Amino acid sequence: MENPYKTLGVPSDASQEAIHGAFRTLAKQCHPDTHPNSATAEGEFKALSNADDMLSDPNRRDRYDCGGAAEPVAESASAKAAGLARMRRKKVLDTTMFALSAAVGAIGILRCVY
């Protein structure tokens, strides 16, 4: 993928408004509907759309700015399984902590009553 900042003609520290404004201006100029017989207009418009999509998403923009991949890397099956196991352990821990805090709260109430 080409540099999205270069594609839109904005600096790397541009605000979201500046990025979207540049996209709208350039998109009007090369939209396939305004150039129906041009094969390059569609490609340019797709490149502009991809650049705007990437820079409009804060997570993808941060990854790109940090030198990482613009697109998320596909997870392997073992990585997905490990992530699911981690989520299950967290859910069990959260449930246990909630039950413990409820028990401690009940003991506190009983101490106040008696």
C-alpha atoms as a PDB file:
ATOM      1  CA  MET A   1       0.000   0.000   0.000  1.00  0.00           C
ATOM      2  CA  GLU A   2       1.215   3.454  -0.858  1.00  0.00           C
ATOM      3  CA  ASN A   3       1.660   6.020   1.884  1.00  0.00           C
ATOM      4  CA  PRO A   4      -1.914   7.108   2.713  1.00  0.00           C
ATOM      5  CA  TYR A   5      -0.764  10.586   3.742  1.00  0.00           C
ATOM      6  CA  LYS A   6       0.891  11.023   0.336  1.00  0.00           C
ATOM      7  CA  THR A   7      -2.186   9.623  -1.420  1.00  0.00           C
ATOM      8  CA  LEU A   8      -4.406  12.224   0.253  1.00  0.00           C
ATOM      9  CA  GLY A   9      -1.779  14.977   0.125  1.00  0.00           C
ATOM     10  CA  VAL A  10      -1.846  15.713   3.861  1.00  0.00           C
ATOM     11  CA  PRO A  11       0.954  15.848   6.444  1.00  0.00           C
ATOM     12  CA  SER A  12       1.328  12.973   8.908  1.00  0.00           C
ATOM     13  CA  ASP A  13       0.149  15.183  11.783  1.00  0.00           C
ATOM     14  CA  ALA A  14      -3.063  16.216  10.001  1.00  0.00           C
ATOM     15  CA  SER A  15      -6.307  16.264  11.968  1.00  0.00           C
ATOM     16  CA  GLN A  16      -9.224  13.978  11.187  1.00  0.00           C
ATOM     17  CA  GLU A  17     -11.096  16.949   9.687  1.00  0.00           C
ATOM     18  CA  ALA A  18      -8.177  17.795   7.368  1.00  0.00           C
ATOM     19  CA  ILE A  19      -7.869  14.167   6.271  1.00  0.00           C
ATOM     20  CA  HIS A  20     -11.569  13.835   5.542  1.00  0.00           C
ATOM     21  CA  GLY A  21     -11.650  17.221   3.779  1.00  0.00           C
ATOM     22  CA  ALA A  22      -8.741  16.231   1.531  1.00  0.00           C
ATOM     23  CA  PHE A  23     -10.473  12.933   0.754  1.00  0.00           C
ATOM     24  CA  ARG A  24     -13.720  14.651  -0.195  1.00  0.00           C
ATOM     25  CA  THR A  25     -11.956  17.156  -2.441  1.00  0.00           C
ATOM     26  CA  LEU A  26      -9.904  14.526  -4.262  1.00  0.00           C
ATOM     27  CA  ALA A  27     -12.814  12.074  -4.437  1.00  0.00           C
ATOM     28  CA  LYS A  28     -14.933  14.656  -6.262  1.00  0.00           C
ATOM     29  CA  GLN A  29     -12.150  15.161  -8.802  1.00  0.00           C
ATOM     30  CA  CYS A  30     -11.610  11.489  -9.660  1.00  0.00           C
ATOM     31  CA  HIS A  31     -14.935   9.834  -8.877  1.00  0.00           C
ATOM     32  CA  PRO A  32     -15.767   7.138 -11.468  1.00  0.00           C
ATOM     33  CA  ASP A  33     -19.210   8.669 -12.018  1.00  0.00           C
ATOM     34  CA  THR A  34     -17.656  11.938 -13.216  1.00  0.00           C
ATOM     35  CA  HIS A  35     -15.205  10.060 -15.471  1.00  0.00           C
ATOM     36  CA  PRO A  36     -17.220   7.078 -16.737  1.00  0.00           C
ATOM     37  CA  ASN A  37     -14.791   6.074 -19.505  1.00  0.00           C
ATOM     38  CA  SER A  38     -11.600   6.389 -17.484  1.00  0.00           C
ATOM     39  CA  ALA A  39     -10.035   3.185 -16.195  1.00  0.00           C
ATOM     40  CA  THR A  40      -7.616   5.091 -13.959  1.00  0.00           C
ATOM     41  CA  ALA A  41     -10.354   7.075 -12.200  1.00  0.00           C
ATOM     42  CA  GLU A  42     -11.719   3.956 -10.519  1.00  0.00           C
ATOM     43  CA  GLY A  43      -8.250   2.892  -9.331  1.00  0.00           C
ATOM     44  CA  GLU A  44      -7.473   6.360  -8.007  1.00  0.00           C
ATOM     45  CA  PHE A  45     -10.816   6.523  -6.228  1.00  0.00           C
ATOM     46  CA  LYS A  46     -10.221   3.119  -4.596  1.00  0.00           C
ATOM     47  CA  ALA A  47      -6.755   4.228  -3.446  1.00  0.00           C
ATOM     48  CA  LEU A  48      -8.231   7.407  -1.963  1.00  0.00           C
ATOM     49  CA  SER A  49     -10.999   5.451  -0.244  1.00  0.00           C
ATOM     50  CA  ASN A  50      -8.528   2.966   1.238  1.00  0.00           C
ATOM     51  CA  ALA A  51      -6.288   5.775   2.493  1.00  0.00           C
ATOM     52  CA  ASP A  52      -9.236   7.596   4.061  1.00  0.00           C
ATOM     53  CA  ASP A  53     -10.534   4.387   5.663  1.00  0.00           C
ATOM     54  CA  MET A  54      -7.156   3.611   7.191  1.00  0.00           C
ATOM     55  CA  LEU A  55      -6.475   7.122   8.479  1.00  0.00           C
ATOM     56  CA  SER A  56     -10.031   7.546   9.793  1.00  0.00           C
ATOM     57  CA  ASP A  57      -9.659   4.527  12.108  1.00  0.00           C
ATOM     58  CA  PRO A  58      -7.503   5.608  15.083  1.00  0.00           C
ATOM     59  CA  ASN A  59      -6.199   2.083  15.752  1.00  0.00           C
ATOM     60  CA  ARG A  60      -5.142   1.450  12.157  1.00  0.00           C
ATOM     61  CA  ARG A  61      -3.609   4.935  11.910  1.00  0.00           C
ATOM     62  CA  ASP A  62      -1.581   4.388  15.091  1.00  0.00           C
ATOM     63  CA  ARG A  63      -0.347   1.015  13.813  1.00  0.00           C
ATOM     64  CA  TYR A  64       0.673   2.598  10.516  1.00  0.00           C
ATOM     65  CA  ASP A  65       2.370   5.564  12.221  1.00  0.00           C
ATOM     66  CA  CYS A  66       4.353   3.219  14.463  1.00  0.00           C
ATOM     67  CA  GLY A  67       5.682   1.373  11.430  1.00  0.00           C
ATOM     68  CA  GLY A  68       3.447  -1.655  11.849  1.00  0.00           C
ATOM     69  CA  ALA A  69       1.166  -3.273   9.354  1.00  0.00           C
ATOM     70  CA  ALA A  70      -1.808  -1.210   8.268  1.00  0.00           C
ATOM     71  CA  GLU A  71      -3.964  -4.315   8.195  1.00  0.00           C
ATOM     72  CA  PRO A  72      -4.286  -6.639  11.159  1.00  0.00           C
ATOM     73  CA  VAL A  73      -2.316  -9.844  10.861  1.00  0.00           C
ATOM     74  CA  ALA A  74      -4.447 -12.994  10.738  1.00  0.00           C
ATOM     75  CA  GLU A  75      -4.308 -15.022  13.930  1.00  0.00           C
ATOM     76  CA  SER A  76      -3.369 -18.669  13.878  1.00  0.00           C
ATOM     77  CA  ALA A  77      -5.748 -21.246  15.317  1.00  0.00           C
ATOM     78  CA  SER A  78      -3.535 -21.752  18.383  1.00  0.00           C
ATOM     79  CA  ALA A  79      -3.420 -17.996  19.028  1.00  0.00           C
ATOM     80  CA  LYS A  80      -7.218 -17.824  18.822  1.00  0.00           C
ATOM     81  CA  ALA A  81      -7.548 -20.789  21.204  1.00  0.00           C
ATOM     82  CA  ALA A  82      -5.131 -19.164  23.647  1.00  0.00           C
ATOM     83  CA  GLY A  83      -7.110 -15.923  23.461  1.00  0.00           C
ATOM     84  CA  LEU A  84     -10.383 -17.745  24.137  1.00  0.00           C
ATOM     85  CA  ALA A  85      -8.844 -19.595  27.089  1.00  0.00           C
ATOM     86  CA  ARG A  86      -7.570 -16.284  28.475  1.00  0.00           C
ATOM     87  CA  MET A  87     -11.051 -14.758  28.133  1.00  0.00           C
ATOM     88  CA  ARG A  88     -12.632 -17.734  29.934  1.00  0.00           C
ATOM     89  CA  ARG A  89     -10.130 -17.469  32.812  1.00  0.00           C
ATOM     90  CA  LYS A  90     -10.825 -13.749  33.091  1.00  0.00           C
ATOM     91  CA  LYS A  91     -14.566 -14.375  33.160  1.00  0.00           C
ATOM     92  CA  VAL A  92     -14.176 -16.984  35.910  1.00  0.00           C
ATOM     93  CA  LEU A  93     -11.933 -14.636  37.875  1.00  0.00           C
ATOM     94  CA  ASP A  94     -14.379 -11.738  37.465  1.00  0.00           C
ATOM     95  CA  THR A  95     -17.280 -13.925  38.612  1.00  0.00           C
ATOM     96  CA  THR A  96     -15.287 -15.155  41.616  1.00  0.00           C
ATOM     97  CA  MET A  97     -14.277 -11.627  42.582  1.00  0.00           C
ATOM     98  CA  PHE A  98     -17.893 -10.473  42.331  1.00  0.00           C
ATOM     99  CA  ALA A  99     -19.056 -13.345  44.565  1.00  0.00           C
ATOM    100  CA  LEU A 100     -16.315 -12.586  47.095  1.00  0.00           C
ATOM    101  CA  SER A 101     -17.136  -8.895  47.191  1.00  0.00           C
ATOM    102  CA  ALA A 102     -20.825  -9.728  47.681  1.00  0.00           C
ATOM    103  CA  ALA A 103     -19.915 -12.068  50.558  1.00  0.00           C
ATOM    104  CA  VAL A 104     -17.679  -9.453  52.178  1.00  0.00           C
ATOM    105  CA  GLY A 105     -20.447  -6.899  51.777  1.00  0.00           C
ATOM    106  CA  ALA A 106     -22.967  -9.257  53.401  1.00  0.00           C
ATOM    107  CA  ILE A 107     -20.579  -9.896  56.302  1.00  0.00           C
ATOM    108  CA  GLY A 108     -20.174  -6.159  56.769  1.00  0.00           C
ATOM    109  CA  ILE A 109     -23.931  -5.669  56.859  1.00  0.00           C
ATOM    110  CA  LEU A 110     -24.324  -8.523  59.378  1.00  0.00           C
ATOM    111  CA  ARG A 111     -21.641  -7.010  61.600  1.00  0.00           C
ATOM    112  CA  CYS A 112     -23.507  -3.702  61.611  1.00  0.00           C
ATOM    113  CA  VAL A 113     -26.828  -5.354  62.449  1.00  0.00           C
ATOM    114  CA  TYR A 114     -25.562  -7.520  65.305  1.00  0.00           C
END
